[in-house]
C-alpha atoms as a PDB file:
ATOM      1  CA  MET A   1      76.266  -2.049  88.589  1.00  0.00           C
ATOM      2  CA  ARG A   2      73.741  -0.798  91.171  1.00  0.00           C
ATOM      3  CA  THR A   3      75.579  -2.545  93.996  1.00  0.00           C
ATOM      4  CA  LEU A   4      78.711  -0.402  93.575  1.00  0.00           C
ATOM      5  CA  PRO A   5      77.342   2.795  95.239  1.00  0.00           C
ATOM      6  CA  ILE A   6      76.015   0.683  98.112  1.00  0.00           C
ATOM      7  CA  VAL A   7      79.430  -0.896  98.659  1.00  0.00           C
ATOM      8  CA  ARG A   8      81.103   2.508  98.554  1.00  0.00           C
ATOM      9  CA  ASN A   9      78.660   3.937 101.059  1.00  0.00           C
ATOM     10  CA  ALA A  10      79.121   0.960 103.371  1.00  0.00           C
ATOM     11  CA  ARG A  11      82.884   1.446 103.283  1.00  0.00           C
ATOM     12  CA  PHE A  12      82.463   5.151 104.054  1.00  0.00           C
ATOM     13  CA  TYR A  13      80.203   4.485 107.048  1.00  0.00           C
ATOM     14  CA  GLU A  14      82.700   1.944 108.388  1.00  0.00           C
ATOM     15  CA  ALA A  15      85.578   4.434 107.981  1.00  0.00           C
ATOM     16  CA  ILE A  16      83.647   7.139 109.826  1.00  0.00           C
ATOM     17  CA  ARG A  17      82.638   4.672 112.541  1.00  0.00           C
ATOM     18  CA  ARG A  18      86.285   3.737 113.131  1.00  0.00           C
ATOM     19  CA  THR A  19      87.343   7.399 113.147  1.00  0.00           C
ATOM     20  CA  LEU A  20      84.799   8.251 115.849  1.00  0.00           C
ATOM     21  CA  SER A  21      85.187   4.949 117.754  1.00  0.00           C
ATOM     22  CA  LEU A  22      81.464   4.262 117.436  1.00  0.00           C
ATOM     23  CA  PRO A  23      79.797   0.857 117.761  1.00  0.00           C
ATOM     24  CA  SER A  24      78.644  -0.470 114.397  1.00  0.00           C
ATOM     25  CA  GLN A  25      74.950  -0.262 115.279  1.00  0.00           C
ATOM     26  CA  ALA A  26      75.248   3.388 116.303  1.00  0.00           C
ATOM     27  CA  PHE A  27      76.110   4.726 112.847  1.00  0.00           C
ATOM     28  CA  GLN A  28      73.072   4.456 110.670  1.00  0.00           C
ATOM     29  CA  ILE A  29      70.712   6.771 108.864  1.00  0.00           C
ATOM     30  CA  LEU A  30      68.682   8.303 111.648  1.00  0.00           C
ATOM     31  CA  PRO A  31      65.537  10.424 111.794  1.00  0.00           C
ATOM     32  CA  PHE A  32      65.992  14.167 111.378  1.00  0.00           C
ATOM     33  CA  PHE A  33      64.810  14.712 114.955  1.00  0.00           C
ATOM     34  CA  THR A  34      67.271  15.986 117.543  1.00  0.00           C
ATOM     35  CA  ASN A  35      67.242  17.323 121.071  1.00  0.00           C
ATOM     36  CA  PHE A  36      70.683  18.881 120.812  1.00  0.00           C
ATOM     37  CA  CYS A  37      70.647  21.220 117.805  1.00  0.00           C
ATOM     38  CA  THR A  38      69.108  24.634 117.379  1.00  0.00           C
ATOM     39  CA  GLN A  39      69.354  24.457 113.609  1.00  0.00           C
ATOM     40  CA  THR A  40      66.530  22.768 111.731  1.00  0.00           C
ATOM     41  CA  SER A  41      65.550  22.353 108.130  1.00  0.00           C
ATOM     42  CA  LYS A  42      63.194  24.959 106.741  1.00  0.00           C
ATOM     43  CA  ASN A  43      60.663  22.285 105.841  1.00  0.00           C
ATOM     44  CA  SER A  44      60.360  21.314 109.508  1.00  0.00           C
ATOM     45  CA  CYS A  45      59.040  24.737 110.518  1.00  0.00           C
ATOM     46  CA  GLU A  46      55.293  24.940 110.628  1.00  0.00           C
ATOM     47  CA  ASP A  47      53.658  28.066 109.271  1.00  0.00           C
ATOM     48  CA  GLU A  48      52.546  30.407 112.009  1.00  0.00           C
ATOM     49  CA  SER A  49      48.964  31.531 112.319  1.00  0.00           C
ATOM     50  CA  VAL A  50      48.118  34.804 110.632  1.00  0.00           C
ATOM     51  CA  LYS A  51      48.004  37.636 113.154  1.00  0.00           C
ATOM     52  CA  SER A  52      46.143  40.895 113.033  1.00  0.00           C
ATOM     53  CA  SER A  53      48.174  44.062 112.514  1.00  0.00           C
ATOM     54  CA  SER A  54      47.460  45.167 116.070  1.00  0.00           C
ATOM     55  CA  GLU A  55      48.865  41.913 117.448  1.00  0.00           C
ATOM     56  CA  GLU A  56      51.918  42.131 115.198  1.00  0.00           C
ATOM     57  CA  ASN A  57      52.743  45.591 116.494  1.00  0.00           C
ATOM     58  CA  LYS A  58      52.913  44.088 119.972  1.00  0.00           C
ATOM     59  CA  SER A  59      55.492  41.547 118.789  1.00  0.00           C
ATOM     60  CA  LEU A  60      59.194  42.321 119.142  1.00  0.00           C
ATOM     61  CA  SER A  61      59.873  39.807 116.382  1.00  0.00           C
ATOM     62  CA  PHE A  62      57.564  41.668 113.988  1.00  0.00           C
ATOM     63  CA  ARG A  63      59.240  44.987 114.730  1.00  0.00           C
ATOM     64  CA  ILE A  64      62.680  43.537 114.048  1.00  0.00           C
ATOM     65  CA  GLU A  65      61.523  41.942 110.791  1.00  0.00           C
ATOM     66  CA  ARG A  66      60.058  45.233 109.578  1.00  0.00           C
ATOM     67  CA  LEU A  67      63.116  47.364 110.334  1.00  0.00           C
ATOM     68  CA  PRO A  68      64.132  49.426 107.276  1.00  0.00           C
ATOM     69  CA  ARG A  69      67.404  48.522 105.596  1.00  0.00           C
ATOM     70  CA  GLY A  70      70.275  50.239 107.356  1.00  0.00           C
ATOM     71  CA  LYS A  71      68.364  50.648 110.612  1.00  0.00           C
ATOM     72  CA  SER A  72      70.040  48.911 113.548  1.00  0.00           C
ATOM     73  CA  VAL A  73      68.267  46.350 115.700  1.00  0.00           C
ATOM     74  CA  GLY A  74      69.216  48.505 118.668  1.00  0.00           C
ATOM     75  CA  SER A  75      66.558  51.022 117.661  1.00  0.00           C
ATOM     76  CA  ALA A  76      63.846  48.346 117.829  1.00  0.00           C
ATOM     77  CA  PHE A  77      65.073  47.156 121.212  1.00  0.00           C
ATOM     78  CA  GLN A  78      65.309  50.687 122.609  1.00  0.00           C
ATOM     79  CA  LYS A  79      61.795  51.539 121.455  1.00  0.00           C
ATOM     80  CA  TRP A  80      60.486  48.285 122.909  1.00  0.00           C
ATOM     81  CA  MET A  81      62.077  48.949 126.287  1.00  0.00           C
ATOM     82  CA  GLY A  82      61.041  52.607 126.104  1.00  0.00           C
ATOM     83  CA  GLU A  83      57.440  51.405 126.132  1.00  0.00           C
ATOM     84  CA  GLY A  84      58.135  49.632 129.404  1.00  0.00           C
ATOM     85  CA  LEU A  85      58.299  46.181 127.832  1.00  0.00           C
ATOM     86  CA  PRO A  86      60.960  43.742 129.063  1.00  0.00           C
ATOM     87  CA  ILE A  87      63.089  41.608 126.760  1.00  0.00           C
ATOM     88  CA  HIS A  88      62.997  37.918 127.601  1.00  0.00           C
ATOM     89  CA  GLY A  89      64.622  34.894 126.043  1.00  0.00           C
ATOM     90  CA  ASP A  90      61.350  33.660 124.570  1.00  0.00           C
ATOM     91  CA  GLU A  91      60.979  36.861 122.500  1.00  0.00           C
ATOM     92  CA  ILE A  92      64.510  36.403 121.189  1.00  0.00           C
ATOM     93  CA  PHE A  93      63.816  32.716 120.457  1.00  0.00           C
ATOM     94  CA  LEU A  94      60.761  33.661 118.390  1.00  0.00           C
ATOM     95  CA  ALA A  95      62.584  36.484 116.608  1.00  0.00           C
ATOM     96  CA  ILE A  96      65.571  34.322 115.673  1.00  0.00           C
ATOM     97  CA  ASN A  97      63.460  31.485 114.315  1.00  0.00           C
ATOM     98  CA  ARG A  98      61.377  33.924 112.283  1.00  0.00           C
ATOM     99  CA  LEU A  99      64.501  35.608 110.885  1.00  0.00           C
ATOM    100  CA  ARG A 100      66.033  32.224 110.041  1.00  0.00           C
ATOM    101  CA  LYS A 101      62.870  31.186 108.233  1.00  0.00           C
ATOM    102  CA  LEU A 102      62.987  34.427 106.217  1.00  0.00           C
ATOM    103  CA  ASP A 103      66.710  33.959 105.439  1.00  0.00           C
ATOM    104  CA  LEU A 104      67.524  37.194 107.272  1.00  0.00           C
ATOM    105  CA  ASN A 105      70.755  35.802 108.682  1.00  0.00           C
ATOM    106  CA  LYS A 106      72.539  39.137 108.937  1.00  0.00           C
ATOM    107  CA  ARG A 107      69.702  40.590 110.979  1.00  0.00           C
ATOM    108  CA  ALA A 108      69.659  37.486 113.185  1.00  0.00           C
ATOM    109  CA  LEU A 109      73.375  37.889 113.876  1.00  0.00           C
ATOM    110  CA  GLU A 110      72.813  41.559 114.773  1.00  0.00           C
ATOM    111  CA  VAL A 111      70.123  40.502 117.243  1.00  0.00           C
ATOM    112  CA  MET A 112      72.377  38.001 118.984  1.00  0.00           C
ATOM    113  CA  GLU A 113      75.360  40.351 119.054  1.00  0.00           C
ATOM    114  CA  TRP A 114      73.144  42.962 120.715  1.00  0.00           C
ATOM    115  CA  VAL A 115      71.812  40.456 123.266  1.00  0.00           C
ATOM    116  CA  ILE A 116      75.296  39.244 124.240  1.00  0.00           C
ATOM    117  CA  ARG A 117      76.652  42.796 124.385  1.00  0.00           C
ATOM    118  CA  GLU A 118      73.773  44.571 126.167  1.00  0.00           C
ATOM    119  CA  ARG A 119      72.587  41.615 128.278  1.00  0.00           C
ATOM    120  CA  PRO A 120      68.895  42.454 128.714  1.00  0.00           C
ATOM    121  CA  TYR A 121      68.810  39.107 130.514  1.00  0.00           C
ATOM    122  CA  ARG A 122      71.485  36.617 131.508  1.00  0.00           C
ATOM    123  CA  PRO A 123      72.589  34.838 128.302  1.00  0.00           C
ATOM    124  CA  LYS A 124      72.196  31.077 128.218  1.00  0.00           C
ATOM    125  CA  GLU A 125      73.653  28.314 126.082  1.00  0.00           C
ATOM    126  CA  LEU A 126      70.895  28.775 123.505  1.00  0.00           C
ATOM    127  CA  ASP A 127      71.874  32.426 123.019  1.00  0.00           C
ATOM    128  CA  TYR A 128      75.520  31.519 122.461  1.00  0.00           C
ATOM    129  CA  SER A 129      74.444  28.739 120.116  1.00  0.00           C
ATOM    130  CA  TYR A 130      72.493  31.203 117.970  1.00  0.00           C
ATOM    131  CA  LEU A 131      75.463  33.578 117.957  1.00  0.00           C
ATOM    132  CA  LEU A 132      77.756  30.751 116.850  1.00  0.00           C
ATOM    133  CA  GLU A 133      75.365  29.593 114.131  1.00  0.00           C
ATOM    134  CA  PHE A 134      75.004  32.950 112.413  1.00  0.00           C
ATOM    135  CA  THR A 135      78.662  33.883 112.841  1.00  0.00           C
ATOM    136  CA  ALA A 136      79.574  30.724 110.924  1.00  0.00           C
ATOM    137  CA  LYS A 137      76.991  31.398 108.223  1.00  0.00           C
ATOM    138  CA  LEU A 138      78.128  34.972 107.604  1.00  0.00           C
ATOM    139  CA  HIS A 139      81.819  34.992 108.507  1.00  0.00           C
ATOM    140  CA  GLY A 140      82.981  31.421 108.016  1.00  0.00           C
ATOM    141  CA  ILE A 141      84.342  28.605 110.146  1.00  0.00           C
ATOM    142  CA  SER A 142      87.555  30.336 111.241  1.00  0.00           C
ATOM    143  CA  GLN A 143      85.665  33.138 112.971  1.00  0.00           C
ATOM    144  CA  ALA A 144      83.151  30.653 114.352  1.00  0.00           C
ATOM    145  CA  GLU A 145      85.980  28.620 115.890  1.00  0.00           C
ATOM    146  CA  GLU A 146      87.522  31.771 117.347  1.00  0.00           C
ATOM    147  CA  LEU A 147      84.152  32.737 118.828  1.00  0.00           C
ATOM    148  CA  PHE A 148      83.703  29.214 120.200  1.00  0.00           C
ATOM    149  CA  SER A 149      87.006  29.473 122.067  1.00  0.00           C
ATOM    150  CA  ARG A 150      85.871  32.725 123.712  1.00  0.00           C
ATOM    151  CA  ILE A 151      82.486  31.462 124.891  1.00  0.00           C
ATOM    152  CA  PRO A 152      82.439  30.807 128.666  1.00  0.00           C
ATOM    153  CA  PRO A 153      83.436  27.162 129.321  1.00  0.00           C
ATOM    154  CA  GLU A 154      80.178  26.338 131.104  1.00  0.00           C
ATOM    155  CA  PHE A 155      78.319  26.919 127.822  1.00  0.00           C
ATOM    156  CA  ARG A 156      80.665  24.929 125.587  1.00  0.00           C
ATOM    157  CA  ASN A 157      78.603  21.769 125.874  1.00  0.00           C
ATOM    158  CA  GLU A 158      76.855  19.340 123.519  1.00  0.00           C
ATOM    159  CA  LEU A 159      74.516  22.026 122.143  1.00  0.00           C
ATOM    160  CA  LEU A 160      77.331  24.279 120.953  1.00  0.00           C
ATOM    161  CA  TYR A 161      79.523  21.409 119.782  1.00  0.00           C
ATOM    162  CA  ASN A 162      76.699  19.923 117.701  1.00  0.00           C
ATOM    163  CA  ASN A 163      75.952  23.281 116.121  1.00  0.00           C
ATOM    164  CA  LEU A 164      79.624  23.898 115.392  1.00  0.00           C
ATOM    165  CA  VAL A 165      79.818  20.506 113.657  1.00  0.00           C
ATOM    166  CA  ILE A 166      76.731  21.318 111.587  1.00  0.00           C
ATOM    167  CA  ALA A 167      78.207  24.704 110.674  1.00  0.00           C
ATOM    168  CA  CYS A 168      81.351  22.926 109.444  1.00  0.00           C
ATOM    169  CA  LEU A 169      79.292  20.489 107.384  1.00  0.00           C
ATOM    170  CA  ASP A 170      77.228  23.316 105.894  1.00  0.00           C
ATOM    171  CA  LYS A 171      80.489  24.892 104.718  1.00  0.00           C
ATOM    172  CA  GLY A 172      81.764  21.592 103.304  1.00  0.00           C
ATOM    173  CA  GLU A 173      84.432  21.200 105.996  1.00  0.00           C
ATOM    174  CA  ILE A 174      83.909  17.485 106.570  1.00  0.00           C
ATOM    175  CA  ARG A 175      87.339  16.738 108.018  1.00  0.00           C
ATOM    176  CA  ILE A 176      87.018  19.572 110.545  1.00  0.00           C
ATOM    177  CA  SER A 177      83.568  18.311 111.509  1.00  0.00           C
ATOM    178  CA  LEU A 178      84.942  14.794 112.048  1.00  0.00           C
ATOM    179  CA  ALA A 179      87.658  16.178 114.306  1.00  0.00           C
ATOM    180  CA  TYR A 180      85.057  17.944 116.440  1.00  0.00           C
ATOM    181  CA  MET A 181      82.894  14.825 116.554  1.00  0.00           C
ATOM    182  CA  LYS A 182      85.884  12.851 117.795  1.00  0.00           C
ATOM    183  CA  LYS A 183      86.466  15.526 120.438  1.00  0.00           C
ATOM    184  CA  MET A 184      82.821  15.247 121.494  1.00  0.00           C
ATOM    185  CA  ARG A 185      83.235  11.500 121.973  1.00  0.00           C
ATOM    186  CA  GLU A 186      86.271  12.138 124.159  1.00  0.00           C
ATOM    187  CA  LEU A 187      84.333  14.663 126.258  1.00  0.00           C
ATOM    188  CA  GLY A 188      81.293  12.401 126.522  1.00  0.00           C
ATOM    189  CA  HIS A 189      78.985  14.803 124.664  1.00  0.00           C
ATOM    190  CA  PRO A 190      76.079  13.154 122.782  1.00  0.00           C
ATOM    191  CA  ILE A 191      76.218  13.573 119.008  1.00  0.00           C
ATOM    192  CA  SER A 192      72.911  14.630 117.504  1.00  0.00           C
ATOM    193  CA  ASN A 193      71.043  12.470 115.005  1.00  0.00           C
ATOM    194  CA  LEU A 194      70.892  15.541 112.784  1.00  0.00           C
ATOM    195  CA  VAL A 195      74.688  15.671 112.714  1.00  0.00           C
ATOM    196  CA  PHE A 196      74.925  12.094 111.413  1.00  0.00           C
ATOM    197  CA  ASN A 197      72.335  12.755 108.723  1.00  0.00           C
ATOM    198  CA  ARG A 198      74.087  15.955 107.653  1.00  0.00           C
ATOM    199  CA  LEU A 199      77.383  14.055 107.554  1.00  0.00           C
ATOM    200  CA  ILE A 200      75.929  11.386 105.274  1.00  0.00           C
ATOM    201  CA  THR A 201      74.332  14.010 103.027  1.00  0.00           C
ATOM    202  CA  SER A 202      77.592  15.955 102.837  1.00  0.00           C
ATOM    203  CA  PHE A 203      79.556  12.827 101.952  1.00  0.00           C
ATOM    204  CA  LEU A 204      77.177  11.837  99.175  1.00  0.00           C
ATOM    205  CA  SER A 205      77.590  15.273  97.588  1.00  0.00           C
ATOM    206  CA  TRP A 206      81.404  15.170  97.748  1.00  0.00           C
ATOM    207  CA  PRO A 207      83.622  14.290  94.760  1.00  0.00           C
ATOM    208  CA  GLN A 208      85.185  10.857  95.240  1.00  0.00           C
ATOM    209  CA  GLU A 209      88.754  12.220  95.303  1.00  0.00           C
ATOM    210  CA  ASN A 210      87.924  14.376  98.344  1.00  0.00           C
ATOM    211  CA  ASN A 211      86.142  11.587 100.158  1.00  0.00           C
ATOM    212  CA  PRO A 212      87.274  11.098 103.770  1.00  0.00           C
ATOM    213  CA  LYS A 213      87.121   7.314 103.397  1.00  0.00           C
ATOM    214  CA  ASN A 214      89.813   7.565 100.728  1.00  0.00           C
ATOM    215  CA  SER A 215      92.010   9.549 103.113  1.00  0.00           C
ATOM    216  CA  HIS A 216      91.421   6.921 105.783  1.00  0.00           C
ATOM    217  CA  ALA A 217      92.385   4.171 103.359  1.00  0.00           C
ATOM    218  CA  ASN A 218      95.564   6.008 102.358  1.00  0.00           C
ATOM    219  CA  GLU A 219      96.561   6.409 106.002  1.00  0.00           C
ATOM    220  CA  SER A 220      96.131   2.674 106.489  1.00  0.00           C
END
């Protein structure tokens, strides 16, 4: 019957709500808009205007994208600074979002590792969030969790927690993500709408025997 999946989903939402101690009206399918996550779906990125070749050569992002295979990002940064051009957070923001859009995750991680190591400017929570995101994508949740524990405490806020939860969901680690969401509730950190939508999507793609609501029922 068509009502069976609806009943199952309703039971799952109720189990998750109880796990996170959320009010019933708070857990619902929400828009994919969020103020707390750096990660976005590819479809949400608008195409950038076409630039002339002369303008592209003035872009740090363009230079990083066009680096030959095997060439380190450090060479692009050194050449940029050698021309008397400073490196600011907005250039890194543009570069990272371009690299993400092009699925150049390894290059994006190299960029953030260089920024945190060389400190061309004082790193902010957004920089650490990018570093966490691409570490999880390339090296898995264990290394991402280890990195998270080493990030200065003042930056381990809702932005990083939300992105760590999303990284867990992207890797299929639903139970780990629920544990971090519960921790966020305890710390008073807002949970992003995007996190809830990713959680629902992840659940719907899970085999029934691995479903967290079944684990919750067994514990009861």
